[in-house]
Structures are given as structure tokens and as C-alpha cells.
């Protein structure tokens, strides 16, 4: 029998890493269902390949490269990376590109740092950005036949031309100053009847997942609310329409499921709010003033790099210190 002795305090709880990870998987199910409804079985194919690539990569690395050959797949972290990577991809991306993204996400962004808890950047976003920089045309080409609000604001071109258009879907037009709300069907944008990556559609489904994560206390409201609130504010400052910037693109998915990653986000609520505000600000800056219509991935990865600095100046209270100060008063 192995006896582990540790210092107090000893806190007994049913909480565990697998429990939290599998609750995140449950929270992603509504968005997955909406993506399948919108894009068909191609969406499920992309998700399954992404998950398979991530799981296989982690198993191979832990089996043949790590000294301690632990079976880590059951904790759910690789599964979530595969799900989130799939949500950041078009439904018509070639299968071999999806596999490359999974290998980079797990092999480089996660396992090269030592595995779960040691990575600096969000693995799924590293995989997504790698694919975007390596295969920009494939990553910005969308399927045909999607009943999208995109078609409502495309004039002077055939329906086929609109369907074959490449870019960041609605964000391209929003960032070019087309912010007249009457040109968009906001209900379609909210329920997922639009084109884009798998996780860019179905805003209501993502919000439903956010509510589940709050009820199960997997995350707190600080980062998602700070990201969305900051993006809405700076969208208004730069003359945009906040509601469009919130529901068009991957802002909601990034705010709820990727910016809140335990390993790559600040520890304190104050730090989380600062972190979230900066992600929202950088997202709008990149959308408005860079060559990329979407900026959520870059904004989150950039702020991941600043998390150690934020943690340094926004330190959590030492256990028991608040109560001791009260007693002293």
C-alpha cells in the first residue's frame, strides 16, 4: 500500500479533473447538435477525426516517449481538445489537415510541455492557428447550400457565387462597415442558421452550455462576461454593432470554452476580469485593423502568454488569512 502524507488543510470533495472535463463535454453537446443540423454529417465526421487524432497522439506519446507510461485518456482533456479543435474548423476541411491539427494541438502545444497542467497555450487554439497559417485557403472556404444571413447582404452576384465565397463569413462584411442590423437575420445568427466554422454557429446552444458550466460550478462568470462585455463595448467604440460582433464568429465559443481553460487562465477573479477584458479588446482590434476578419484565437493565445504576469500581480489570498485579519480587528 502506498501512503501519501501531505500538509494540511485537507479538503474532502467529490470534485475531480475527469468530473470537470466530462461536464465540459456535456456542455458542448448542444453546439455539436446544432452544427450537425446546419452542416449535416460532415460536421460529425470532422469532430470524430479531430477527437481520434488527439486521442491517438496523446496515447502514442505517453506510451512511447514518457518514462511514466500512464493511461491519461480517461481524464477527458484530450477529448475536449479534439472537440474544441473540431469546432474551430470548417465542415469541408480535408481529413488529413484535421489530423495535422490534432497532432500539433496535442503533440506540440500540450505534451511537449509535460502534459495536462503544464501547457502555456490552449492546445486546441494552437492547432487551429497552425492550420490557419499553413492552409489559409482551406481554413476560410465554407460549404455550399447553407441558408445563411450571408446571402441576404450579398448583392450583384449569383447564389452559387455567394455559396462558394471564402472568408470569415459574416465577419468580413461586418468589419468592412456593413453594420446595418436590418441587413441581418439576428434570429438565424443566434440559432445557428448561418455559415462558418462548426463552433461559430448556434449562439444560443453555446449560451446553454455556459449555463450548465455555471450550474455545475465548473467555471465562474468572470472570464466569459468580461470577454463578451469588453468586445461589445469596444465594438461600439469603433462604430460597430455589438450584437453582430457577439454572434458572428467564434467570440462566444472562445469566451465560454477556451478562454476559461484552467491551465492557461488567471487564478484570481480580479486577474480573470483583466484577462477577459483584454481578450475582448484584442479581438475587436484584430477584427477591425488586421488582415484577419476573426481575432478570437489570436487574442486568447496572446493573453495566455500574459497569464503568468497577471498571476504575479493578482495573487490569491493565503488560506485562512482573511479570517485571521477579521479576528485581529
C-alpha atoms as a PDB file:
ATOM      1  CA  UNK A   1       0.000   0.000   0.000  1.00  0.00           C
ATOM      2  CA  UNK A   2       1.299   3.450  -0.948  1.00  0.00           C
ATOM      3  CA  UNK A   3       0.906   6.016   1.840  1.00  0.00           C
ATOM      4  CA  UNK A   4       0.862   9.686   0.828  1.00  0.00           C
ATOM      5  CA  UNK A   5       1.481  12.246   3.579  1.00  0.00           C
ATOM      6  CA  UNK A   6       0.731  15.900   2.870  1.00  0.00           C
ATOM      7  CA  UNK A   7       0.354  19.094   4.840  1.00  0.00           C
ATOM      8  CA  UNK A   8      -2.996  20.403   5.994  1.00  0.00           C
ATOM      9  CA  UNK A   9      -5.586  21.685   5.261  1.00  0.00           C
ATOM     10  CA  UNK A  10      -7.207  18.526   3.897  1.00  0.00           C
ATOM     11  CA  UNK A  11     -10.364  19.330   1.927  1.00  0.00           C
ATOM     12  CA  UNK A  12     -12.675  16.408   1.080  1.00  0.00           C
ATOM     13  CA  UNK A  13     -14.690  16.788  -2.117  1.00  0.00           C
ATOM     14  CA  UNK A  14     -16.136  14.692  -4.926  1.00  0.00           C
ATOM     15  CA  UNK A  15     -14.670  17.154  -7.422  1.00  0.00           C
ATOM     16  CA  UNK A  16     -12.021  15.810  -9.778  1.00  0.00           C
ATOM     17  CA  UNK A  17     -10.400  16.575 -13.112  1.00  0.00           C
ATOM     18  CA  UNK A  18     -12.434  13.923 -15.014  1.00  0.00           C
ATOM     19  CA  UNK A  19     -15.664  15.184 -13.421  1.00  0.00           C
ATOM     20  CA  UNK A  20     -14.992  18.728 -14.608  1.00  0.00           C
ATOM     21  CA  UNK A  21     -13.816  17.639 -18.054  1.00  0.00           C
ATOM     22  CA  UNK A  22     -16.851  15.475 -18.707  1.00  0.00           C
ATOM     23  CA  UNK A  23     -19.147  18.316 -17.656  1.00  0.00           C
ATOM     24  CA  UNK A  24     -17.467  20.440 -20.325  1.00  0.00           C
ATOM     25  CA  UNK A  25     -18.180  17.672 -22.836  1.00  0.00           C
ATOM     26  CA  UNK A  26     -21.848  17.702 -21.788  1.00  0.00           C
ATOM     27  CA  UNK A  27     -21.939  21.494 -22.173  1.00  0.00           C
ATOM     28  CA  UNK A  28     -20.633  21.185 -25.747  1.00  0.00           C
ATOM     29  CA  UNK A  29     -23.337  18.730 -26.847  1.00  0.00           C
ATOM     30  CA  UNK A  30     -25.979  21.392 -27.762  1.00  0.00           C
ATOM     31  CA  UNK A  31     -23.474  23.190 -30.011  1.00  0.00           C
ATOM     32  CA  UNK A  32     -22.499  19.866 -31.591  1.00  0.00           C
ATOM     33  CA  UNK A  33     -26.139  19.071 -32.320  1.00  0.00           C
ATOM     34  CA  UNK A  34     -26.649  22.494 -33.936  1.00  0.00           C
ATOM     35  CA  UNK A  35     -23.553  22.083 -36.096  1.00  0.00           C
ATOM     36  CA  UNK A  36     -24.828  18.696 -37.349  1.00  0.00           C
ATOM     37  CA  UNK A  37     -28.257  20.193 -38.071  1.00  0.00           C
ATOM     38  CA  UNK A  38     -26.670  23.051 -40.029  1.00  0.00           C
ATOM     39  CA  UNK A  39     -23.845  21.284 -41.869  1.00  0.00           C
ATOM     40  CA  UNK A  40     -25.046  17.684 -41.917  1.00  0.00           C
ATOM     41  CA  UNK A  41     -22.994  14.593 -41.155  1.00  0.00           C
ATOM     42  CA  UNK A  42     -19.835  16.282 -42.446  1.00  0.00           C
ATOM     43  CA  UNK A  43     -19.731  18.163 -39.140  1.00  0.00           C
ATOM     44  CA  UNK A  44     -19.762  14.911 -37.156  1.00  0.00           C
ATOM     45  CA  UNK A  45     -17.051  13.496 -39.431  1.00  0.00           C
ATOM     46  CA  UNK A  46     -14.785  16.475 -38.716  1.00  0.00           C
ATOM     47  CA  UNK A  47     -15.370  16.154 -34.969  1.00  0.00           C
ATOM     48  CA  UNK A  48     -14.688  12.406 -34.920  1.00  0.00           C
ATOM     49  CA  UNK A  49     -11.454  12.743 -36.916  1.00  0.00           C
ATOM     50  CA  UNK A  50     -10.293  15.582 -34.674  1.00  0.00           C
ATOM     51  CA  UNK A  51     -11.055  13.615 -31.496  1.00  0.00           C
ATOM     52  CA  UNK A  52      -9.413  10.492 -32.889  1.00  0.00           C
ATOM     53  CA  UNK A  53      -6.249  12.363 -33.881  1.00  0.00           C
ATOM     54  CA  UNK A  54      -5.956  13.973 -30.445  1.00  0.00           C
ATOM     55  CA  UNK A  55      -6.592  10.760 -28.510  1.00  0.00           C
ATOM     56  CA  UNK A  56      -4.191   8.710 -30.624  1.00  0.00           C
ATOM     57  CA  UNK A  57      -1.448  11.347 -30.433  1.00  0.00           C
ATOM     58  CA  UNK A  58      -1.658  11.554 -26.649  1.00  0.00           C
ATOM     59  CA  UNK A  59      -1.690   7.770 -26.259  1.00  0.00           C
ATOM     60  CA  UNK A  60       1.346   7.314 -28.518  1.00  0.00           C
ATOM     61  CA  UNK A  61       3.339   9.996 -26.719  1.00  0.00           C
ATOM     62  CA  UNK A  62       2.543   8.738 -23.214  1.00  0.00           C
ATOM     63  CA  UNK A  63       3.145   5.136 -24.309  1.00  0.00           C
ATOM     64  CA  UNK A  64       6.467   5.503 -26.115  1.00  0.00           C
ATOM     65  CA  UNK A  65       8.035   8.821 -25.078  1.00  0.00           C
ATOM     66  CA  UNK A  66       7.169   9.330 -21.413  1.00  0.00           C
ATOM     67  CA  UNK A  67       9.071   7.463 -18.712  1.00  0.00           C
ATOM     68  CA  UNK A  68       5.927   7.019 -16.633  1.00  0.00           C
ATOM     69  CA  UNK A  69       3.611   5.260 -19.078  1.00  0.00           C
ATOM     70  CA  UNK A  70       0.311   6.435 -17.608  1.00  0.00           C
ATOM     71  CA  UNK A  71      -3.025   6.000 -19.351  1.00  0.00           C
ATOM     72  CA  UNK A  72      -4.310   9.595 -19.419  1.00  0.00           C
ATOM     73  CA  UNK A  73      -7.148   9.405 -21.941  1.00  0.00           C
ATOM     74  CA  UNK A  74      -9.872   8.809 -19.350  1.00  0.00           C
ATOM     75  CA  UNK A  75      -9.429  12.248 -17.746  1.00  0.00           C
ATOM     76  CA  UNK A  76     -11.205  13.772 -20.762  1.00  0.00           C
ATOM     77  CA  UNK A  77      -8.684  16.526 -21.548  1.00  0.00           C
ATOM     78  CA  UNK A  78      -7.614  15.110 -24.926  1.00  0.00           C
ATOM     79  CA  UNK A  79     -11.257  14.520 -25.817  1.00  0.00           C
ATOM     80  CA  UNK A  80     -12.101  18.158 -25.096  1.00  0.00           C
ATOM     81  CA  UNK A  81      -9.113  19.336 -27.146  1.00  0.00           C
ATOM     82  CA  UNK A  82     -10.380  17.255 -30.065  1.00  0.00           C
ATOM     83  CA  UNK A  83     -13.897  18.620 -29.686  1.00  0.00           C
ATOM     84  CA  UNK A  84     -12.777  22.243 -29.485  1.00  0.00           C
ATOM     85  CA  UNK A  85     -10.354  21.876 -32.376  1.00  0.00           C
ATOM     86  CA  UNK A  86     -13.174  20.412 -34.472  1.00  0.00           C
ATOM     87  CA  UNK A  87     -15.438  23.297 -33.524  1.00  0.00           C
ATOM     88  CA  UNK A  88     -12.812  25.700 -34.904  1.00  0.00           C
ATOM     89  CA  UNK A  89     -12.733  24.076 -38.350  1.00  0.00           C
ATOM     90  CA  UNK A  90     -14.909  24.258 -41.492  1.00  0.00           C
ATOM     91  CA  UNK A  91     -17.062  21.210 -42.124  1.00  0.00           C
ATOM     92  CA  UNK A  92     -15.379  20.586 -45.502  1.00  0.00           C
ATOM     93  CA  UNK A  93     -11.755  20.642 -44.331  1.00  0.00           C
ATOM     94  CA  UNK A  94      -9.754  17.671 -45.746  1.00  0.00           C
ATOM     95  CA  UNK A  95      -9.290  14.834 -43.262  1.00  0.00           C
ATOM     96  CA  UNK A  96      -5.503  14.898 -43.369  1.00  0.00           C
ATOM     97  CA  UNK A  97      -5.446  18.581 -42.371  1.00  0.00           C
ATOM     98  CA  UNK A  98      -7.665  17.784 -39.392  1.00  0.00           C
ATOM     99  CA  UNK A  99      -5.217  15.076 -38.312  1.00  0.00           C
ATOM    100  CA  UNK A 100      -2.298  17.511 -38.630  1.00  0.00           C
ATOM    101  CA  UNK A 101      -4.150  19.981 -36.426  1.00  0.00           C
ATOM    102  CA  UNK A 102      -4.760  17.309 -33.777  1.00  0.00           C
ATOM    103  CA  UNK A 103      -1.115  16.232 -33.778  1.00  0.00           C
ATOM    104  CA  UNK A 104       0.061  19.827 -33.340  1.00  0.00           C
ATOM    105  CA  UNK A 105      -2.545  20.565 -30.646  1.00  0.00           C
ATOM    106  CA  UNK A 106      -1.629  17.554 -28.504  1.00  0.00           C
ATOM    107  CA  UNK A 107       1.942  16.778 -29.506  1.00  0.00           C
ATOM    108  CA  UNK A 108       3.358  20.297 -29.563  1.00  0.00           C
ATOM    109  CA  UNK A 109       1.015  22.537 -27.572  1.00  0.00           C
ATOM    110  CA  UNK A 110       0.311  20.089 -24.733  1.00  0.00           C
ATOM    111  CA  UNK A 111       2.573  17.052 -24.380  1.00  0.00           C
ATOM    112  CA  UNK A 112       5.840  18.812 -25.257  1.00  0.00           C
ATOM    113  CA  UNK A 113       5.348  20.897 -22.092  1.00  0.00           C
ATOM    114  CA  UNK A 114       4.730  17.837 -19.944  1.00  0.00           C
ATOM    115  CA  UNK A 115       1.038  17.129 -20.434  1.00  0.00           C
ATOM    116  CA  UNK A 116      -2.103  18.295 -18.668  1.00  0.00           C
ATOM    117  CA  UNK A 117      -1.485  21.231 -16.349  1.00  0.00           C
ATOM    118  CA  UNK A 118       1.874  22.245 -17.819  1.00  0.00           C
ATOM    119  CA  UNK A 119       0.968  23.750 -21.193  1.00  0.00           C
ATOM    120  CA  UNK A 120       1.312  27.504 -21.733  1.00  0.00           C
ATOM    121  CA  UNK A 121      -1.238  27.967 -24.514  1.00  0.00           C
ATOM    122  CA  UNK A 122      -4.641  26.487 -25.207  1.00  0.00           C
ATOM    123  CA  UNK A 123      -3.878  23.357 -27.278  1.00  0.00           C
ATOM    124  CA  UNK A 124      -6.981  23.481 -29.485  1.00  0.00           C
ATOM    125  CA  UNK A 125      -6.285  27.079 -30.454  1.00  0.00           C
ATOM    126  CA  UNK A 126      -2.648  26.312 -31.233  1.00  0.00           C
ATOM    127  CA  UNK A 127      -3.855  23.580 -33.590  1.00  0.00           C
ATOM    128  CA  UNK A 128      -6.367  25.928 -35.175  1.00  0.00           C
ATOM    129  CA  UNK A 129      -3.879  28.758 -35.691  1.00  0.00           C
ATOM    130  CA  UNK A 130      -1.331  26.311 -37.130  1.00  0.00           C
ATOM    131  CA  UNK A 131      -3.867  25.195 -39.726  1.00  0.00           C
ATOM    132  CA  UNK A 132      -4.951  28.774 -40.460  1.00  0.00           C
ATOM    133  CA  UNK A 133      -1.380  29.906 -41.112  1.00  0.00           C
ATOM    134  CA  UNK A 134      -0.442  26.760 -43.041  1.00  0.00           C
ATOM    135  CA  UNK A 135      -3.605  26.321 -45.110  1.00  0.00           C
ATOM    136  CA  UNK A 136      -5.381  29.712 -45.183  1.00  0.00           C
ATOM    137  CA  UNK A 137      -7.468  28.939 -48.282  1.00  0.00           C
ATOM    138  CA  UNK A 138      -8.826  25.657 -46.895  1.00  0.00           C
ATOM    139  CA  UNK A 139      -9.478  27.193 -43.486  1.00  0.00           C
ATOM    140  CA  UNK A 140     -11.526  30.036 -44.993  1.00  0.00           C
ATOM    141  CA  UNK A 141     -13.577  28.079 -47.518  1.00  0.00           C
ATOM    142  CA  UNK A 142     -17.082  27.146 -46.480  1.00  0.00           C
ATOM    143  CA  UNK A 143     -19.667  24.599 -47.667  1.00  0.00           C
ATOM    144  CA  UNK A 144     -22.341  25.398 -50.245  1.00  0.00           C
ATOM    145  CA  UNK A 145     -26.071  25.377 -49.677  1.00  0.00           C
ATOM    146  CA  UNK A 146     -26.115  26.852 -46.175  1.00  0.00           C
ATOM    147  CA  UNK A 147     -29.149  29.080 -45.575  1.00  0.00           C
ATOM    148  CA  UNK A 148     -27.094  31.884 -44.124  1.00  0.00           C
ATOM    149  CA  UNK A 149     -27.742  35.595 -43.453  1.00  0.00           C
ATOM    150  CA  UNK A 150     -24.583  35.959 -45.560  1.00  0.00           C
ATOM    151  CA  UNK A 151     -26.794  35.587 -48.629  1.00  0.00           C
ATOM    152  CA  UNK A 152     -29.026  38.448 -47.571  1.00  0.00           C
ATOM    153  CA  UNK A 153     -26.252  41.028 -47.825  1.00  0.00           C
ATOM    154  CA  UNK A 154     -24.571  39.674 -50.960  1.00  0.00           C
ATOM    155  CA  UNK A 155     -25.771  41.688 -53.947  1.00  0.00           C
ATOM    156  CA  UNK A 156     -24.809  41.672 -57.601  1.00  0.00           C
ATOM    157  CA  UNK A 157     -23.772  38.005 -57.551  1.00  0.00           C
ATOM    158  CA  UNK A 158     -25.452  34.688 -58.105  1.00  0.00           C
ATOM    159  CA  UNK A 159     -26.473  32.358 -55.331  1.00  0.00           C
ATOM    160  CA  UNK A 160     -23.726  29.967 -56.402  1.00  0.00           C
ATOM    161  CA  UNK A 161     -21.135  32.717 -56.081  1.00  0.00           C
ATOM    162  CA  UNK A 162     -22.337  33.504 -52.578  1.00  0.00           C
ATOM    163  CA  UNK A 163     -22.190  29.850 -51.613  1.00  0.00           C
ATOM    164  CA  UNK A 164     -18.659  29.474 -52.928  1.00  0.00           C
ATOM    165  CA  UNK A 165     -17.392  32.632 -51.271  1.00  0.00           C
ATOM    166  CA  UNK A 166     -14.430  32.236 -48.956  1.00  0.00           C
ATOM    167  CA  UNK A 167     -13.543  34.325 -45.941  1.00  0.00           C
ATOM    168  CA  UNK A 168     -14.768  34.617 -42.390  1.00  0.00           C
ATOM    169  CA  UNK A 169     -18.422  34.630 -43.497  1.00  0.00           C
ATOM    170  CA  UNK A 170     -20.390  37.474 -41.940  1.00  0.00           C
ATOM    171  CA  UNK A 171     -17.375  38.963 -40.179  1.00  0.00           C
ATOM    172  CA  UNK A 172     -15.855  40.078 -43.470  1.00  0.00           C
ATOM    173  CA  UNK A 173     -18.856  42.265 -44.159  1.00  0.00           C
ATOM    174  CA  UNK A 174     -19.235  43.461 -40.600  1.00  0.00           C
ATOM    175  CA  UNK A 175     -15.589  44.509 -40.454  1.00  0.00           C
ATOM    176  CA  UNK A 176     -15.990  46.383 -43.742  1.00  0.00           C
ATOM    177  CA  UNK A 177     -18.599  48.600 -42.127  1.00  0.00           C
ATOM    178  CA  UNK A 178     -21.799  46.746 -43.035  1.00  0.00           C
ATOM    179  CA  UNK A 179     -23.374  47.119 -39.589  1.00  0.00           C
ATOM    180  CA  UNK A 180     -26.964  47.871 -40.588  1.00  0.00           C
ATOM    181  CA  UNK A 181     -28.927  45.458 -38.401  1.00  0.00           C
ATOM    182  CA  UNK A 182     -31.787  45.326 -40.919  1.00  0.00           C
ATOM    183  CA  UNK A 183     -29.426  43.522 -43.331  1.00  0.00           C
ATOM    184  CA  UNK A 184     -29.048  40.571 -40.972  1.00  0.00           C
ATOM    185  CA  UNK A 185     -31.389  37.967 -39.584  1.00  0.00           C
ATOM    186  CA  UNK A 186     -30.364  38.016 -35.936  1.00  0.00           C
ATOM    187  CA  UNK A 187     -32.516  35.004 -35.071  1.00  0.00           C
ATOM    188  CA  UNK A 188     -30.733  32.913 -37.714  1.00  0.00           C
ATOM    189  CA  UNK A 189     -27.396  34.041 -36.299  1.00  0.00           C
ATOM    190  CA  UNK A 190     -28.455  33.100 -32.768  1.00  0.00           C
ATOM    191  CA  UNK A 191     -29.848  29.647 -33.517  1.00  0.00           C
ATOM    192  CA  UNK A 192     -27.077  28.664 -35.953  1.00  0.00           C
ATOM    193  CA  UNK A 193     -28.704  29.033 -39.363  1.00  0.00           C
ATOM    194  CA  UNK A 194     -25.551  30.543 -40.862  1.00  0.00           C
ATOM    195  CA  UNK A 195     -22.221  29.598 -42.370  1.00  0.00           C
ATOM    196  CA  UNK A 196     -18.823  29.405 -40.703  1.00  0.00           C
ATOM    197  CA  UNK A 197     -16.774  27.038 -38.585  1.00  0.00           C
ATOM    198  CA  UNK A 198     -18.675  24.422 -36.609  1.00  0.00           C
ATOM    199  CA  UNK A 199     -18.470  26.398 -33.351  1.00  0.00           C
ATOM    200  CA  UNK A 200     -19.239  29.788 -34.869  1.00  0.00           C
ATOM    201  CA  UNK A 201     -22.909  28.933 -35.255  1.00  0.00           C
ATOM    202  CA  UNK A 202     -25.564  28.297 -32.626  1.00  0.00           C
ATOM    203  CA  UNK A 203     -25.028  31.140 -30.164  1.00  0.00           C
ATOM    204  CA  UNK A 204     -27.998  30.023 -28.053  1.00  0.00           C
ATOM    205  CA  UNK A 205     -26.560  26.496 -27.837  1.00  0.00           C
ATOM    206  CA  UNK A 206     -23.241  27.863 -26.561  1.00  0.00           C
ATOM    207  CA  UNK A 207     -25.052  30.046 -24.036  1.00  0.00           C
ATOM    208  CA  UNK A 208     -26.922  26.939 -22.877  1.00  0.00           C
ATOM    209  CA  UNK A 209     -23.577  25.220 -22.353  1.00  0.00           C
ATOM    210  CA  UNK A 210     -22.381  28.257 -20.412  1.00  0.00           C
ATOM    211  CA  UNK A 211     -25.380  27.987 -18.077  1.00  0.00           C
ATOM    212  CA  UNK A 212     -24.616  24.291 -17.487  1.00  0.00           C
ATOM    213  CA  UNK A 213     -20.992  25.063 -16.612  1.00  0.00           C
ATOM    214  CA  UNK A 214     -22.147  27.730 -14.155  1.00  0.00           C
ATOM    215  CA  UNK A 215     -24.683  25.417 -12.512  1.00  0.00           C
ATOM    216  CA  UNK A 216     -22.102  22.665 -12.084  1.00  0.00           C
ATOM    217  CA  UNK A 217     -19.517  25.238 -10.922  1.00  0.00           C
ATOM    218  CA  UNK A 218     -17.003  24.105 -13.493  1.00  0.00           C
ATOM    219  CA  UNK A 219     -16.315  27.754 -14.343  1.00  0.00           C
ATOM    220  CA  UNK A 220     -17.327  31.148 -12.966  1.00  0.00           C
ATOM    221  CA  UNK A 221     -18.900  34.007 -14.871  1.00  0.00           C
ATOM    222  CA  UNK A 222     -15.897  36.328 -14.697  1.00  0.00           C
ATOM    223  CA  UNK A 223     -13.987  35.456 -17.886  1.00  0.00           C
ATOM    224  CA  UNK A 224     -16.929  34.897 -20.292  1.00  0.00           C
ATOM    225  CA  UNK A 225     -18.780  38.017 -19.155  1.00  0.00           C
ATOM    226  CA  UNK A 226     -15.592  40.108 -19.261  1.00  0.00           C
ATOM    227  CA  UNK A 227     -14.743  38.884 -22.775  1.00  0.00           C
ATOM    228  CA  UNK A 228     -18.206  39.425 -24.242  1.00  0.00           C
ATOM    229  CA  UNK A 229     -18.800  42.708 -22.389  1.00  0.00           C
ATOM    230  CA  UNK A 230     -15.420  44.095 -23.427  1.00  0.00           C
ATOM    231  CA  UNK A 231     -15.915  43.050 -27.064  1.00  0.00           C
ATOM    232  CA  UNK A 232     -19.370  44.638 -27.119  1.00  0.00           C
ATOM    233  CA  UNK A 233     -18.056  47.885 -25.619  1.00  0.00           C
ATOM    234  CA  UNK A 234     -15.106  48.230 -27.990  1.00  0.00           C
ATOM    235  CA  UNK A 235     -17.271  47.232 -30.938  1.00  0.00           C
ATOM    236  CA  UNK A 236     -19.483  50.220 -30.083  1.00  0.00           C
ATOM    237  CA  UNK A 237     -16.429  52.470 -29.553  1.00  0.00           C
ATOM    238  CA  UNK A 238     -15.142  51.665 -33.044  1.00  0.00           C
ATOM    239  CA  UNK A 239     -18.516  52.268 -34.658  1.00  0.00           C
ATOM    240  CA  UNK A 240     -19.648  48.648 -34.943  1.00  0.00           C
ATOM    241  CA  UNK A 241     -22.800  46.841 -33.911  1.00  0.00           C
ATOM    242  CA  UNK A 242     -22.082  44.920 -30.660  1.00  0.00           C
ATOM    243  CA  UNK A 243     -24.799  42.324 -31.217  1.00  0.00           C
ATOM    244  CA  UNK A 244     -23.256  41.392 -34.578  1.00  0.00           C
ATOM    245  CA  UNK A 245     -19.755  41.095 -33.162  1.00  0.00           C
ATOM    246  CA  UNK A 246     -21.060  38.833 -30.398  1.00  0.00           C
ATOM    247  CA  UNK A 247     -22.999  36.369 -32.560  1.00  0.00           C
ATOM    248  CA  UNK A 248     -20.923  36.450 -35.768  1.00  0.00           C
ATOM    249  CA  UNK A 249     -17.718  34.475 -35.489  1.00  0.00           C
ATOM    250  CA  UNK A 250     -16.249  32.496 -32.633  1.00  0.00           C
ATOM    251  CA  UNK A 251     -16.468  35.030 -29.804  1.00  0.00           C
ATOM    252  CA  UNK A 252     -18.992  33.088 -27.710  1.00  0.00           C
ATOM    253  CA  UNK A 253     -17.220  29.763 -28.194  1.00  0.00           C
ATOM    254  CA  UNK A 254     -13.882  31.298 -27.278  1.00  0.00           C
ATOM    255  CA  UNK A 255     -15.244  33.178 -24.266  1.00  0.00           C
ATOM    256  CA  UNK A 256     -17.054  30.200 -22.731  1.00  0.00           C
ATOM    257  CA  UNK A 257     -14.965  27.157 -23.615  1.00  0.00           C
ATOM    258  CA  UNK A 258     -11.408  28.262 -24.461  1.00  0.00           C
ATOM    259  CA  UNK A 259     -10.607  31.431 -22.552  1.00  0.00           C
ATOM    260  CA  UNK A 260     -11.776  29.649 -19.375  1.00  0.00           C
ATOM    261  CA  UNK A 261      -9.215  26.836 -19.655  1.00  0.00           C
ATOM    262  CA  UNK A 262      -7.904  26.278 -16.110  1.00  0.00           C
ATOM    263  CA  UNK A 263      -4.273  25.870 -17.080  1.00  0.00           C
ATOM    264  CA  UNK A 264      -3.982  28.930 -19.306  1.00  0.00           C
ATOM    265  CA  UNK A 265      -6.190  31.436 -17.446  1.00  0.00           C
ATOM    266  CA  UNK A 266      -5.540  33.503 -14.276  1.00  0.00           C
ATOM    267  CA  UNK A 267      -6.227  32.117 -10.807  1.00  0.00           C
ATOM    268  CA  UNK A 268      -7.990  35.077  -9.166  1.00  0.00           C
ATOM    269  CA  UNK A 269     -11.279  36.706 -10.113  1.00  0.00           C
ATOM    270  CA  UNK A 270      -9.563  40.085 -10.485  1.00  0.00           C
ATOM    271  CA  UNK A 271      -6.999  38.581 -12.809  1.00  0.00           C
ATOM    272  CA  UNK A 272      -9.723  36.789 -14.771  1.00  0.00           C
ATOM    273  CA  UNK A 273     -11.615  40.026 -15.353  1.00  0.00           C
ATOM    274  CA  UNK A 274      -8.458  41.805 -16.564  1.00  0.00           C
ATOM    275  CA  UNK A 275      -7.671  38.808 -18.771  1.00  0.00           C
ATOM    276  CA  UNK A 276     -11.205  38.728 -20.215  1.00  0.00           C
ATOM    277  CA  UNK A 277     -11.328  42.471 -20.890  1.00  0.00           C
ATOM    278  CA  UNK A 278      -8.058  42.308 -22.793  1.00  0.00           C
ATOM    279  CA  UNK A 279      -9.253  39.341 -24.868  1.00  0.00           C
ATOM    280  CA  UNK A 280     -12.395  41.230 -25.869  1.00  0.00           C
ATOM    281  CA  UNK A 281     -10.375  44.357 -26.692  1.00  0.00           C
ATOM    282  CA  UNK A 282      -7.784  42.497 -28.763  1.00  0.00           C
ATOM    283  CA  UNK A 283     -10.480  40.562 -30.602  1.00  0.00           C
ATOM    284  CA  UNK A 284     -12.118  43.748 -31.849  1.00  0.00           C
ATOM    285  CA  UNK A 285      -8.752  45.366 -32.675  1.00  0.00           C
ATOM    286  CA  UNK A 286      -7.725  42.360 -34.775  1.00  0.00           C
ATOM    287  CA  UNK A 287     -11.120  42.184 -36.462  1.00  0.00           C
ATOM    288  CA  UNK A 288     -11.110  45.859 -37.400  1.00  0.00           C
ATOM    289  CA  UNK A 289      -7.484  46.629 -38.194  1.00  0.00           C
ATOM    290  CA  UNK A 290      -5.721  43.425 -39.262  1.00  0.00           C
ATOM    291  CA  UNK A 291      -5.804  41.222 -42.343  1.00  0.00           C
ATOM    292  CA  UNK A 292      -7.737  38.577 -40.387  1.00  0.00           C
ATOM    293  CA  UNK A 293     -11.518  39.071 -40.077  1.00  0.00           C
ATOM    294  CA  UNK A 294     -11.549  36.935 -36.899  1.00  0.00           C
ATOM    295  CA  UNK A 295      -9.346  37.630 -33.897  1.00  0.00           C
ATOM    296  CA  UNK A 296     -10.605  35.464 -31.034  1.00  0.00           C
ATOM    297  CA  UNK A 297      -7.965  32.740 -31.376  1.00  0.00           C
ATOM    298  CA  UNK A 298      -5.066  35.171 -31.591  1.00  0.00           C
ATOM    299  CA  UNK A 299      -6.425  37.260 -28.712  1.00  0.00           C
ATOM    300  CA  UNK A 300      -6.762  34.260 -26.380  1.00  0.00           C
ATOM    301  CA  UNK A 301      -3.315  32.872 -27.247  1.00  0.00           C
ATOM    302  CA  UNK A 302      -1.726  36.284 -26.739  1.00  0.00           C
ATOM    303  CA  UNK A 303      -3.346  36.692 -23.339  1.00  0.00           C
ATOM    304  CA  UNK A 304      -2.379  33.103 -22.424  1.00  0.00           C
ATOM    305  CA  UNK A 305       1.195  34.388 -22.674  1.00  0.00           C
ATOM    306  CA  UNK A 306       0.456  37.134 -20.150  1.00  0.00           C
ATOM    307  CA  UNK A 307      -1.217  34.868 -17.578  1.00  0.00           C
ATOM    308  CA  UNK A 308       1.996  34.363 -15.507  1.00  0.00           C
ATOM    309  CA  UNK A 309       2.387  38.139 -15.299  1.00  0.00           C
ATOM    310  CA  UNK A 310      -1.265  38.604 -14.313  1.00  0.00           C
ATOM    311  CA  UNK A 311      -0.936  35.909 -11.648  1.00  0.00           C
ATOM    312  CA  UNK A 312       2.138  37.647 -10.288  1.00  0.00           C
ATOM    313  CA  UNK A 313       0.285  40.900  -9.602  1.00  0.00           C
ATOM    314  CA  UNK A 314      -3.140  39.418  -8.836  1.00  0.00           C
ATOM    315  CA  UNK A 315      -2.244  36.839  -6.237  1.00  0.00           C
ATOM    316  CA  UNK A 316      -4.849  34.821  -4.344  1.00  0.00           C
ATOM    317  CA  UNK A 317      -5.153  35.256  -0.597  1.00  0.00           C
ATOM    318  CA  UNK A 318      -3.257  32.780   1.552  1.00  0.00           C
ATOM    319  CA  UNK A 319      -5.620  30.181   3.011  1.00  0.00           C
ATOM    320  CA  UNK A 320      -7.002  31.452   6.304  1.00  0.00           C
ATOM    321  CA  UNK A 321      -5.515  34.959   6.100  1.00  0.00           C
ATOM    322  CA  UNK A 322      -8.835  36.764   5.629  1.00  0.00           C
ATOM    323  CA  UNK A 323     -10.312  35.135   8.704  1.00  0.00           C
ATOM    324  CA  UNK A 324      -7.184  35.926  10.713  1.00  0.00           C
ATOM    325  CA  UNK A 325      -7.423  39.617   9.772  1.00  0.00           C
ATOM    326  CA  UNK A 326     -11.054  39.704  10.895  1.00  0.00           C
ATOM    327  CA  UNK A 327     -10.134  38.205  14.243  1.00  0.00           C
ATOM    328  CA  UNK A 328      -7.314  40.748  14.656  1.00  0.00           C
ATOM    329  CA  UNK A 329      -9.741  43.618  14.126  1.00  0.00           C
END
